[in-house]
Amino acid sequence: MASVIYDEKSRRIAAEMVAAETRQIAQREAQECDCKDGMFPRSPASRRRFLFAAGSAASLAGSTAALAQKAPPGAVYYDAPADPTKELGRAVAADGGYGSRSQFETEVRTRFPTANEYTSWSFTPLDKMVGNLTASGLHFERHHGGIPTIDPANHSLVVHGMVGTAKKFSMADLKRFPSVTRKHFIECSGNGLTEWNKPTLKTVQGTHGLLSTSEWTGVQFATIAREVGLKDGSSWVLAEGADAAVMTRSIPIEKMLKDALLVYGQNGEAIRPEQGALLVYGQNGEAIRPEQGYPLRLLLPGYEGNTHIKWLRRLEVSDKPFMTREETSKYTDLLANGKARQFSMEMEAKSVITFPSGEMKLPGPGFYNVSGLAWSGRGRVQSVDVSVDGGQSWRPAQLNVTPESVCTVRFSYPWMWDGKLAILQSRCADETGYIQPTLKQLIAIRGSHGPFGSIYHLNAIQSWAIDETGSVANVHA
């Protein structure tokens, strides 16, 4: 299989990502994988395990005292009593009226170490996610000019160009329109860019962490289009953000009229209460965060993350694309014949096993509940298959939630590990009949032409190898 040829910048990015992940792994405490909860190893309990279990209660106070006094991001540190039934807990609303997560939950996004911290991205810890939605505070990020601080009272959206009447909408204006609430994933098209040639990053956070799913609330663009009126010949819309990079992308009008949402709510709440009235759209989650485009972002279900313009301030309707930097020198896909696909924005069907995954270690042979996520920008996930022998045979996995359009699906597969070498894979199909390809099949289509081999839209089947010791590693199989 021919190797994809990276340009110098892409090779440097891949090397820096490897170094960053290596540092992150090295910082972890030397301990057994905390993901072993729910595992049922067949191997007899060792003396070490027995002694650990027998002494766990006695050592609880000591281990608690040994915790760092500084709570992890998003939490507040409190002394943990040996017996919480023997003393009062904290007062109601002692947190000031906005809750925080437990100090014992430590998962965080990890930032790619770019030359400056304003033009960078961070990865969602997919192996730590529970259920199907991503916590707002762990939603992946990609920024080109830092995170702006925007007062929604001063923010507006201008819609102009090939329209009957150009208009400016305040946030209050937008909220007067009928709203909809939907669950959709957003995935960066560079998700997995290091994995084309060889297994590079070790964890699923590194290989697939530019993916997150939220419940979004907003007004449909079609509603706004009716307000301004679209002229004959209108075929593209330029979306522009209010960040320092003034991010812009050209979007086909058909996509805008069919699916686009102008989002001002994320995971259930309205915009932050200190900056406006609290309009609740769900029972869980929180408002759209500043790093996700507060107070307004464009959501394009199924399109690559770069098109979901954050801090949205302008929409210009035209009869042709605007050929911005992000759709000419970037975000194009070379093919085997040397030509490039432009405006290849749809994210195709993809899946990944998050447990067990890279850098985990199974405690011994026995029963394990293999789990992961599947998604497709084409529509609903239809089915997921799992292989434990590197793709030689496949078995159907269970979909743990009802598939929704352009939304991740949690799947699981019961597996009895015999303690021998195994290679775990998942493969999904969507409602259009598209089946997730192997890396070999993908490169046969894309080719490996340099010096600017495509690094985008890698949706190949991911393989995790489990050796006889239970250690899990990223491999190509």
Protein backbone atom coordinates (compact mmCIF):
# COMPACT_ATOMS: atom_id res chain seq x y z
CA MET A 1 0.00 0.00 0.00
CA ALA A 2 1.45 3.32 -1.08
CA SER A 3 2.18 5.89 1.60
CA VAL A 4 0.53 9.27 1.65
CA ILE A 5 3.15 11.95 1.11
CA TYR A 6 2.89 14.78 3.63
CA ASP A 7 4.24 18.23 2.99
CA GLU A 8 6.80 19.62 5.45
CA LYS A 9 4.22 21.48 7.56
CA SER A 10 2.02 18.40 7.89
CA ARG A 11 5.01 16.27 8.91
CA ARG A 12 5.94 18.83 11.55
CA ILE A 13 2.39 18.92 12.91
CA ALA A 14 2.31 15.13 13.15
CA ALA A 15 5.67 15.03 14.98
CA GLU A 16 4.56 17.70 17.44
CA MET A 17 1.30 15.86 18.11
CA VAL A 18 3.25 12.69 18.91
CA ALA A 19 5.52 14.59 21.30
CA ALA A 20 2.56 16.24 23.03
CA GLU A 21 0.75 12.95 23.53
CA THR A 22 3.93 11.32 24.84
CA ARG A 23 4.26 14.06 27.46
CA GLN A 24 0.63 13.69 28.44
CA ILE A 25 0.94 9.92 28.91
CA ALA A 26 4.14 10.35 30.92
CA GLN A 27 2.35 12.68 33.33
CA ARG A 28 -0.22 10.06 34.25
CA GLU A 29 0.16 8.33 37.57
CA ALA A 30 1.53 4.79 37.42
CA GLN A 31 -1.61 2.86 38.21
CA GLU A 32 -3.89 0.21 36.79
CA CYS A 33 -6.33 1.46 34.18
CA ASP A 34 -9.34 3.03 35.87
CA CYS A 35 -11.38 1.75 32.94
CA LYS A 36 -11.39 -1.71 34.53
CA ASP A 37 -14.69 -0.97 36.25
CA GLY A 38 -17.21 -3.47 34.95
CA MET A 39 -14.58 -5.96 33.79
CA PHE A 40 -14.78 -9.56 34.92
CA PRO A 41 -11.34 -11.15 34.52
CA ARG A 42 -11.24 -14.94 34.82
CA SER A 43 -7.72 -15.02 36.23
CA PRO A 44 -7.51 -15.80 39.97
CA ALA A 45 -7.07 -12.86 42.29
CA SER A 46 -3.43 -12.17 43.00
CA ARG A 47 -2.05 -11.62 46.50
CA ARG A 48 -1.43 -8.01 45.54
CA ARG A 49 -5.07 -7.53 44.53
CA PHE A 50 -6.28 -9.21 47.70
CA LEU A 51 -4.12 -7.06 49.93
CA PHE A 52 -5.14 -3.95 48.03
CA ALA A 53 -8.84 -4.76 48.45
CA ALA A 54 -8.45 -5.61 52.13
CA GLY A 55 -6.62 -2.39 52.88
CA SER A 56 -8.65 -0.06 50.68
CA ALA A 57 -11.03 1.04 53.43
CA ALA A 58 -8.24 1.68 55.90
CA SER A 59 -6.24 3.64 53.35
CA LEU A 60 -9.15 5.78 52.17
CA ALA A 61 -8.43 8.68 54.50
CA GLY A 62 -4.74 8.58 53.66
CA SER A 63 -5.34 8.51 49.91
CA THR A 64 -7.80 11.38 50.21
CA ALA A 65 -5.29 13.44 52.16
CA ALA A 66 -2.73 12.71 49.48
CA LEU A 67 -4.93 14.30 46.80
CA ALA A 68 -3.69 17.60 45.50
CA GLN A 69 -5.42 20.49 47.25
CA LYS A 70 -6.08 22.07 43.92
CA ALA A 71 -9.21 20.71 42.24
CA PRO A 72 -9.16 19.83 38.53
CA PRO A 73 -10.59 22.34 36.03
CA GLY A 74 -14.32 22.79 36.46
CA ALA A 75 -14.34 21.55 40.06
CA VAL A 76 -13.95 22.93 43.58
CA TYR A 77 -11.83 21.17 46.21
CA TYR A 78 -13.48 20.02 49.43
CA ASP A 79 -12.20 17.75 52.19
CA ALA A 80 -13.74 14.31 51.78
CA PRO A 81 -14.89 12.88 55.13
CA ALA A 82 -14.18 9.26 55.98
CA ASP A 83 -17.92 8.75 56.55
CA PRO A 84 -20.22 11.28 54.82
CA THR A 85 -23.18 10.06 56.91
CA LYS A 86 -21.60 11.47 60.07
CA GLU A 87 -21.57 15.15 59.13
CA LEU A 88 -23.59 17.70 57.21
CA GLY A 89 -22.85 18.28 53.59
CA ARG A 90 -22.52 21.64 51.87
CA ALA A 91 -25.31 24.20 51.96
CA VAL A 92 -27.78 24.53 49.12
CA ALA A 93 -26.61 27.07 46.52
CA ALA A 94 -23.23 27.33 48.22
CA ASP A 95 -21.73 27.11 44.74
CA GLY A 96 -23.24 30.50 43.88
CA GLY A 97 -26.05 29.01 41.82
CA TYR A 98 -24.02 27.32 39.08
CA GLY A 99 -22.91 23.74 39.68
CA SER A 100 -19.46 22.26 39.22
CA ARG A 101 -18.31 18.73 38.58
CA SER A 102 -16.85 16.48 41.25
CA GLN A 103 -13.24 17.07 42.24
CA PHE A 104 -12.64 13.37 41.61
CA GLU A 105 -13.42 13.68 37.89
CA THR A 106 -10.23 14.77 36.19
CA GLU A 107 -10.71 14.29 32.46
CA VAL A 108 -9.76 17.33 30.38
CA ARG A 109 -9.19 18.33 26.79
CA THR A 110 -5.57 18.29 25.68
CA ARG A 111 -4.16 21.11 23.54
CA PHE A 112 -1.95 20.58 20.54
CA PRO A 113 1.28 22.52 21.26
CA THR A 114 1.31 25.00 18.41
CA ALA A 115 3.89 27.78 18.38
CA ASN A 116 1.32 30.03 20.04
CA GLU A 117 -1.67 29.09 22.15
CA TYR A 118 -4.14 31.24 20.23
CA THR A 119 -3.99 29.33 16.95
CA SER A 120 -4.41 25.78 18.08
CA TRP A 121 -6.83 22.95 18.83
CA SER A 122 -7.75 20.62 21.68
CA PHE A 123 -8.97 17.01 21.78
CA THR A 124 -12.01 15.49 23.49
CA PRO A 125 -11.19 12.51 25.78
CA LEU A 126 -13.57 10.11 24.00
CA ASP A 127 -12.56 7.19 26.22
CA LYS A 128 -13.86 9.08 29.26
CA MET A 129 -17.23 10.09 27.82
CA VAL A 130 -20.40 8.58 29.27
CA GLY A 131 -23.37 8.01 27.00
CA ASN A 132 -23.79 9.72 23.66
CA LEU A 133 -23.31 13.45 24.31
CA THR A 134 -20.09 15.32 25.00
CA ALA A 135 -19.89 17.52 28.08
CA SER A 136 -19.78 21.14 26.90
CA GLY A 137 -16.55 21.71 28.81
CA LEU A 138 -14.90 18.81 26.96
CA HIS A 139 -16.10 19.64 23.43
CA PHE A 140 -13.08 19.77 21.12
CA GLU A 141 -11.80 23.17 19.97
CA ARG A 142 -10.18 24.63 16.88
CA HIS A 143 -9.24 28.30 16.89
CA HIS A 144 -7.32 30.49 14.46
CA GLY A 145 -7.12 33.72 16.44
CA GLY A 146 -7.99 32.94 20.03
CA ILE A 147 -11.38 32.99 21.77
CA PRO A 148 -13.08 36.39 21.57
CA THR A 149 -15.08 37.89 24.42
CA ILE A 150 -18.32 39.14 22.90
CA ASP A 151 -21.13 40.98 24.65
CA PRO A 152 -24.32 39.61 23.06
CA ALA A 153 -26.01 42.98 23.57
CA ASN A 154 -23.57 44.41 21.05
CA HIS A 155 -23.49 41.45 18.69
CA SER A 156 -25.47 41.32 15.47
CA LEU A 157 -25.83 39.22 12.35
CA VAL A 158 -25.88 40.97 8.97
CA VAL A 159 -27.49 39.15 6.04
CA HIS A 160 -26.89 40.81 2.68
CA GLY A 161 -25.77 40.24 -0.93
CA MET A 162 -28.24 38.70 -3.36
CA VAL A 163 -31.24 39.30 -1.13
CA GLY A 164 -34.40 41.36 -1.48
CA THR A 165 -33.68 43.42 1.62
CA ALA A 166 -30.42 43.35 3.56
CA LYS A 167 -31.04 43.19 7.29
CA LYS A 168 -29.20 43.30 10.58
CA PHE A 169 -30.43 41.02 13.36
CA SER A 170 -29.62 41.48 17.01
CA MET A 171 -29.50 38.46 19.31
CA ALA A 172 -32.91 39.50 20.63
CA ASP A 173 -34.25 39.58 17.07
CA LEU A 174 -33.00 36.05 16.40
CA LYS A 175 -34.54 34.70 19.58
CA ARG A 176 -37.96 35.96 18.53
CA PHE A 177 -38.04 33.47 15.68
CA PRO A 178 -39.29 29.90 16.18
CA SER A 179 -36.46 27.70 17.43
CA VAL A 180 -35.59 24.04 16.98
CA THR A 181 -33.49 21.70 19.09
CA ARG A 182 -31.39 18.91 17.56
CA LYS A 183 -28.55 16.59 18.48
CA HIS A 184 -25.64 16.66 16.05
CA PHE A 185 -21.96 15.83 16.05
CA ILE A 186 -19.23 18.13 14.82
CA GLU A 187 -15.99 16.60 13.54
CA CYS A 188 -12.88 18.35 12.29
CA SER A 189 -11.92 17.01 8.86
CA GLY A 190 -8.32 16.80 10.15
CA ASN A 191 -9.40 14.24 12.76
CA GLY A 192 -6.81 11.45 12.51
CA LEU A 193 -4.49 13.31 10.15
CA THR A 194 -1.45 11.60 11.73
CA GLU A 195 -2.71 8.08 10.97
CA TRP A 196 -2.56 7.83 7.17
CA ASN A 197 0.90 6.25 6.86
CA LYS A 198 1.43 4.41 10.12
CA PRO A 199 -0.02 4.12 13.63
CA THR A 200 1.22 7.34 15.19
CA LEU A 201 -0.76 8.55 18.19
CA LYS A 202 -1.40 6.09 21.00
CA THR A 203 -4.78 6.99 22.49
CA VAL A 204 -8.27 7.39 21.07
CA GLN A 205 -8.18 10.99 22.31
CA GLY A 206 -5.27 11.57 19.95
CA THR A 207 -6.53 9.58 16.97
CA HIS A 208 -10.23 10.56 17.08
CA GLY A 209 -10.58 13.37 19.65
CA LEU A 210 -11.59 16.09 17.20
CA LEU A 211 -15.16 14.82 17.45
CA SER A 212 -17.93 15.93 19.82
CA THR A 213 -21.71 15.70 20.01
CA SER A 214 -24.10 18.22 21.52
CA GLU A 215 -27.77 19.08 21.60
CA TRP A 216 -28.02 22.39 19.78
CA THR A 217 -30.82 24.97 19.87
CA GLY A 218 -31.32 27.78 17.38
CA VAL A 219 -33.25 29.22 14.49
CA GLN A 220 -33.20 27.71 10.98
CA PHE A 221 -31.50 29.73 8.26
CA ALA A 222 -34.53 29.08 6.04
CA THR A 223 -36.53 31.24 8.46
CA ILE A 224 -34.04 34.10 8.10
CA ALA A 225 -33.96 33.61 4.32
CA ARG A 226 -37.72 34.20 4.18
CA GLU A 227 -37.23 37.44 6.09
CA VAL A 228 -34.68 38.90 3.66
CA GLY A 229 -35.82 37.19 0.46
CA LEU A 230 -33.38 35.35 -1.81
CA LYS A 231 -32.88 36.58 -5.38
CA ASP A 232 -32.92 34.27 -8.38
CA GLY A 233 -29.52 32.74 -8.98
CA SER A 234 -28.53 32.67 -5.34
CA SER A 235 -26.38 29.57 -4.90
CA TRP A 236 -23.73 30.24 -2.22
CA VAL A 237 -23.50 31.90 1.17
CA LEU A 238 -20.35 33.29 2.74
CA ALA A 239 -20.32 32.83 6.52
CA GLU A 240 -18.00 35.12 8.50
CA GLY A 241 -16.98 35.00 12.16
CA ALA A 242 -16.21 37.82 14.58
CA ASP A 243 -12.91 36.38 15.87
CA ALA A 244 -9.49 37.90 15.22
CA ALA A 245 -9.00 35.53 12.28
CA VAL A 246 -12.30 36.63 10.70
CA MET A 247 -12.88 33.02 9.67
CA THR A 248 -14.88 32.63 6.44
CA ARG A 249 -16.27 29.71 4.43
CA SER A 250 -18.50 29.40 1.37
CA ILE A 251 -21.56 27.17 1.85
CA PRO A 252 -23.92 25.88 -0.86
CA ILE A 253 -27.34 27.51 -0.55
CA GLU A 254 -29.05 24.09 -0.73
CA LYS A 255 -27.28 23.04 2.46
CA MET A 256 -28.12 26.31 4.17
CA LEU A 257 -31.82 26.04 3.35
CA LYS A 258 -32.09 22.37 4.25
CA ASP A 259 -30.11 21.86 7.41
CA ALA A 260 -28.35 24.93 8.77
CA LEU A 261 -28.98 26.22 12.28
CA LEU A 262 -27.87 29.55 13.69
CA VAL A 263 -27.01 28.21 17.11
CA TYR A 264 -27.25 30.11 20.38
CA GLY A 265 -27.83 27.21 22.78
CA GLN A 266 -25.80 24.12 23.53
CA ASN A 267 -26.70 21.03 25.59
CA GLY A 268 -29.91 22.30 27.04
CA GLU A 269 -29.54 25.82 28.42
CA ALA A 270 -29.78 29.18 26.76
CA ILE A 271 -27.06 31.78 26.64
CA ARG A 272 -25.18 32.34 29.89
CA PRO A 273 -27.56 33.78 32.55
CA GLU A 274 -25.25 36.62 33.49
CA GLN A 275 -25.53 37.96 29.96
CA GLY A 276 -29.23 37.52 29.36
CA ALA A 277 -32.41 35.69 30.29
CA LEU A 278 -32.14 31.93 30.88
CA LEU A 279 -34.12 30.11 28.22
CA VAL A 280 -34.00 26.40 29.00
CA TYR A 281 -34.12 24.03 26.03
CA GLY A 282 -33.38 20.78 27.81
CA GLN A 283 -32.83 19.27 31.19
CA ASN A 284 -29.15 18.56 31.04
CA GLY A 285 -26.01 20.38 29.93
CA GLU A 286 -25.21 24.04 29.59
CA ALA A 287 -25.14 27.07 27.32
CA ILE A 288 -23.01 27.36 24.23
CA ARG A 289 -19.55 28.20 25.56
CA PRO A 290 -17.36 31.09 24.37
CA GLU A 291 -14.95 28.57 22.83
CA GLN A 292 -17.86 27.13 20.86
CA GLY A 293 -18.89 30.46 19.36
CA TYR A 294 -20.81 32.42 21.99
CA PRO A 295 -23.14 34.09 21.35
CA LEU A 296 -23.91 32.70 17.88
CA ARG A 297 -22.48 30.01 15.67
CA LEU A 298 -23.45 28.41 12.39
CA LEU A 299 -24.23 24.70 12.61
CA LEU A 300 -24.11 22.65 9.42
CA PRO A 301 -25.09 19.06 10.27
CA GLY A 302 -22.73 16.57 8.65
CA TYR A 303 -20.25 19.12 7.29
CA GLU A 304 -16.63 19.37 8.38
CA GLY A 305 -16.06 21.40 11.54
CA ASN A 306 -14.28 24.28 9.81
CA THR A 307 -17.54 25.30 8.10
CA HIS A 308 -19.42 25.67 11.41
CA ILE A 309 -18.40 29.31 11.73
CA LYS A 310 -18.24 30.46 15.35
CA TRP A 311 -19.07 33.97 16.60
CA LEU A 312 -21.15 34.35 13.44
CA ARG A 313 -21.59 37.99 12.39
CA ARG A 314 -22.20 38.04 8.61
CA LEU A 315 -23.89 35.99 5.88
CA GLU A 316 -23.41 37.17 2.30
CA VAL A 317 -25.51 35.54 -0.42
CA SER A 318 -23.91 35.16 -3.86
CA ASP A 319 -24.13 33.25 -7.13
CA LYS A 320 -20.65 31.75 -6.73
CA PRO A 321 -18.27 30.55 -4.00
CA PHE A 322 -15.88 33.12 -2.56
CA MET A 323 -12.71 30.97 -2.79
CA THR A 324 -11.43 31.83 0.67
CA ARG A 325 -8.17 30.53 2.11
CA GLU A 326 -9.98 27.75 3.98
CA GLU A 327 -11.40 26.27 0.75
CA THR A 328 -8.48 26.69 -1.63
CA SER A 329 -5.07 26.26 0.00
CA LYS A 330 -6.72 24.29 2.84
CA TYR A 331 -9.52 21.72 3.20
CA THR A 332 -9.25 20.16 -0.27
CA ASP A 333 -8.67 16.46 -1.03
CA LEU A 334 -6.24 15.16 -3.63
CA LEU A 335 -7.34 12.09 -5.61
CA ALA A 336 -5.37 9.26 -7.20
CA ASN A 337 -5.51 10.96 -10.63
CA GLY A 338 -3.78 14.06 -9.28
CA LYS A 339 -6.88 16.23 -9.28
CA ALA A 340 -8.27 17.68 -6.07
CA ARG A 341 -11.76 17.54 -4.64
CA GLN A 342 -12.88 21.00 -3.56
CA PHE A 343 -15.77 21.72 -1.22
CA SER A 344 -15.62 18.11 -0.04
CA MET A 345 -17.32 19.09 3.18
CA GLU A 346 -19.47 16.08 4.02
CA MET A 347 -18.12 13.83 6.75
CA GLU A 348 -18.63 10.19 5.77
CA ALA A 349 -19.53 7.23 7.96
CA LYS A 350 -17.00 6.44 10.67
CA SER A 351 -16.71 4.55 13.95
CA VAL A 352 -14.16 3.83 16.66
CA ILE A 353 -13.94 1.56 19.68
CA THR A 354 -13.32 3.70 22.74
CA PHE A 355 -13.08 0.77 25.17
CA PRO A 356 -10.73 -0.94 25.13
CA SER A 357 -8.51 1.50 23.28
CA GLY A 358 -4.90 2.67 23.15
CA GLU A 359 -2.81 2.79 26.35
CA MET A 360 -5.41 0.85 28.36
CA LYS A 361 -4.55 -2.49 29.94
CA LEU A 362 -7.02 -5.29 30.54
CA PRO A 363 -6.47 -6.98 33.92
CA GLY A 364 -6.84 -10.51 32.58
CA PRO A 365 -8.84 -12.92 30.40
CA GLY A 366 -12.59 -12.74 30.87
CA PHE A 367 -15.73 -10.91 29.85
CA TYR A 368 -15.52 -7.33 28.55
CA ASN A 369 -18.16 -4.99 27.20
CA VAL A 370 -16.55 -3.50 24.10
CA SER A 371 -17.93 0.00 23.52
CA GLY A 372 -17.53 2.81 21.03
CA LEU A 373 -19.11 5.51 18.87
CA ALA A 374 -20.33 5.55 15.28
CA TRP A 375 -21.48 8.51 13.18
CA SER A 376 -22.16 9.70 9.65
CA GLY A 377 -22.58 13.09 8.04
CA ARG A 378 -24.85 11.45 5.46
CA GLY A 379 -27.66 10.69 7.91
CA ARG A 380 -28.41 7.99 10.46
CA VAL A 381 -26.10 5.15 11.41
CA GLN A 382 -27.78 1.95 10.25
CA SER A 383 -25.57 -0.70 11.84
CA VAL A 384 -22.20 -1.37 13.45
CA ASP A 385 -20.14 -4.56 13.26
CA VAL A 386 -17.23 -5.53 15.50
CA SER A 387 -14.27 -7.78 14.71
CA VAL A 388 -11.86 -9.24 17.26
CA ASP A 389 -9.58 -10.88 14.69
CA GLY A 390 -8.46 -7.95 12.57
CA GLY A 391 -11.37 -8.02 10.13
CA GLN A 392 -11.35 -11.71 9.26
CA SER A 393 -14.83 -12.09 10.71
CA TRP A 394 -17.50 -9.63 11.84
CA ARG A 395 -20.34 -9.76 14.34
CA PRO A 396 -23.19 -7.25 14.79
CA ALA A 397 -22.89 -4.82 17.70
CA GLN A 398 -25.79 -3.47 19.71
CA LEU A 399 -26.82 0.14 19.18
CA ASN A 400 -27.37 1.50 22.69
CA VAL A 401 -29.42 4.50 21.57
CA THR A 402 -31.93 5.09 18.81
CA PRO A 403 -29.98 6.49 15.83
CA GLU A 404 -30.67 10.13 15.00
CA SER A 405 -29.71 11.95 11.83
CA VAL A 406 -26.11 13.19 11.81
CA CYS A 407 -25.57 12.20 15.42
CA THR A 408 -23.18 9.82 17.11
CA VAL A 409 -24.48 6.43 18.25
CA ARG A 410 -23.08 4.53 21.23
CA PHE A 411 -22.61 0.83 20.45
CA SER A 412 -21.50 -2.16 22.50
CA TYR A 413 -20.43 -5.75 21.94
CA PRO A 414 -20.07 -8.50 24.59
CA TRP A 415 -16.68 -10.18 24.30
CA MET A 416 -15.02 -13.03 26.14
CA TRP A 417 -11.28 -12.52 25.85
CA ASP A 418 -9.22 -15.72 26.01
CA GLY A 419 -5.98 -13.92 26.87
CA LYS A 420 -4.48 -14.34 23.40
CA LEU A 421 -3.50 -11.68 20.86
CA ALA A 422 -6.58 -9.94 19.50
CA ILE A 423 -7.17 -7.06 17.10
CA LEU A 424 -10.39 -5.14 17.70
CA GLN A 425 -12.09 -3.16 14.95
CA SER A 426 -15.48 -1.57 14.34
CA ARG A 427 -17.17 -0.90 11.03
CA CYS A 428 -20.37 1.08 10.53
CA ALA A 429 -22.87 1.54 7.72
CA ASP A 430 -25.30 4.43 7.34
CA GLU A 431 -28.81 4.69 5.96
CA THR A 432 -27.53 5.51 2.46
CA GLY A 433 -25.77 2.13 2.26
CA TYR A 434 -22.29 3.62 2.63
CA ILE A 435 -19.94 1.29 4.53
CA GLN A 436 -16.90 2.54 6.44
CA PRO A 437 -13.80 1.61 4.38
CA THR A 438 -10.44 0.15 5.27
CA LEU A 439 -7.38 2.39 5.00
CA LYS A 440 -6.26 0.46 1.92
CA GLN A 441 -9.59 1.09 0.21
CA LEU A 442 -9.45 4.79 1.09
CA ILE A 443 -5.94 5.33 -0.26
CA ALA A 444 -6.89 3.46 -3.45
CA ILE A 445 -9.41 6.26 -4.04
CA ARG A 446 -7.40 9.18 -2.74
CA GLY A 447 -3.96 8.13 -3.93
CA SER A 448 -0.69 9.17 -2.30
CA HIS A 449 0.46 12.06 -4.45
CA GLY A 450 2.90 14.55 -2.96
CA PRO A 451 4.12 16.88 -1.88
CA PHE A 452 0.68 17.82 -0.54
CA GLY A 453 -0.99 14.47 0.04
CA SER A 454 -4.47 14.83 1.47
CA ILE A 455 -4.58 14.80 5.25
CA TYR A 456 -8.32 15.39 5.56
CA HIS A 457 -11.38 13.14 5.85
CA LEU A 458 -9.72 10.00 7.18
CA ASN A 459 -12.64 7.72 8.04
CA ALA A 460 -10.88 4.37 7.77
CA ILE A 461 -11.49 1.44 10.14
CA GLN A 462 -9.43 1.82 13.35
CA SER A 463 -7.56 -1.17 14.82
CA TRP A 464 -6.57 -1.75 18.46
CA ALA A 465 -4.24 -4.67 19.22
CA ILE A 466 -4.44 -6.38 22.62
CA ASP A 467 -1.40 -8.49 23.49
CA GLU A 468 -1.15 -11.36 25.98
CA THR A 469 -0.46 -8.94 28.84
CA GLY A 470 -3.68 -7.04 28.16
CA SER A 471 -1.93 -3.93 26.84
CA VAL A 472 -3.83 -2.11 24.08
CA ALA A 473 -2.00 -0.40 21.21
CA ASN A 474 -2.83 1.49 18.01
CA VAL A 475 -2.00 -0.64 14.95
CA HIS A 476 -2.72 -0.84 11.24
CA ALA A 477 -4.25 -4.19 10.34
